[in-house]
């Protein structure tokens, strides 16, 4: 997954040299199957300079436009989504270039996004297989906060359509990623709309109720059940806390 995002971002953030580096990463990660798609992607991207000049501000960052759109689709940008993107960029560019890219991403998050133009560029420059990979990257980003919100799914469907990814393929991705979800809010008896204070109170209440020390120590089954529930409660709270940047 990270090799795909690295490939696409390299193409647009590092110029011609970045295209070569990114495609090399894709080649190494995907083996023989990636070899053909990498050649196809390079064939499209070879006309990069001449093609993109007609798109103005979109020219240098169509992939970042898509990332920004997905990050803010549910009405708020979660720390987990930012860190997910920052981590991948750092692996490729190092801290200096990543900082520059993150500044550009931050600016995009504050503006009206030229989503249709960005999708048009990508649809023309990348093969169908590469566009499928882009969609999977966007699904993983949307899921970085532990929840695929209806607004995110609606946006992903729109992007898939604009990238000319078949409805059947989009539905398959939707099913794949939805089945991987863990409802951390549900574990605490909450929804993603809960406030930070509601989350803290729910955690304290459940942690107290299911702490292994509070059950009959002579009942092995009850102790085992309490331990498992307690672990799930702690895991859910930690995931949500990190996603929201709670202290």
Foldseek 3Di string as FASTA:
>chain_A
DLLLVQQVLLCQLVDPVSNVVSLVSQCVVVPPVSVVQSVQLCVLSVCLVVPLPVVPPCSRPLLLLLLLCLQCQVPDHWPLLLVVVLVSVCVNPNDPSSVVVSVVSVVSNVDDGPNLVSLLSCLRNGDLVSVLVSLLVSLVSNCSLLDNDPSSLVVSVVSCVSSVNDPVSSVVSVVVSVVVGDQLQVLLPHHPPDDPVVLVVSLVVLLVVLPLVPDDPVDPVSSVVSVVSNVSSVVSSVSNCNRHVND
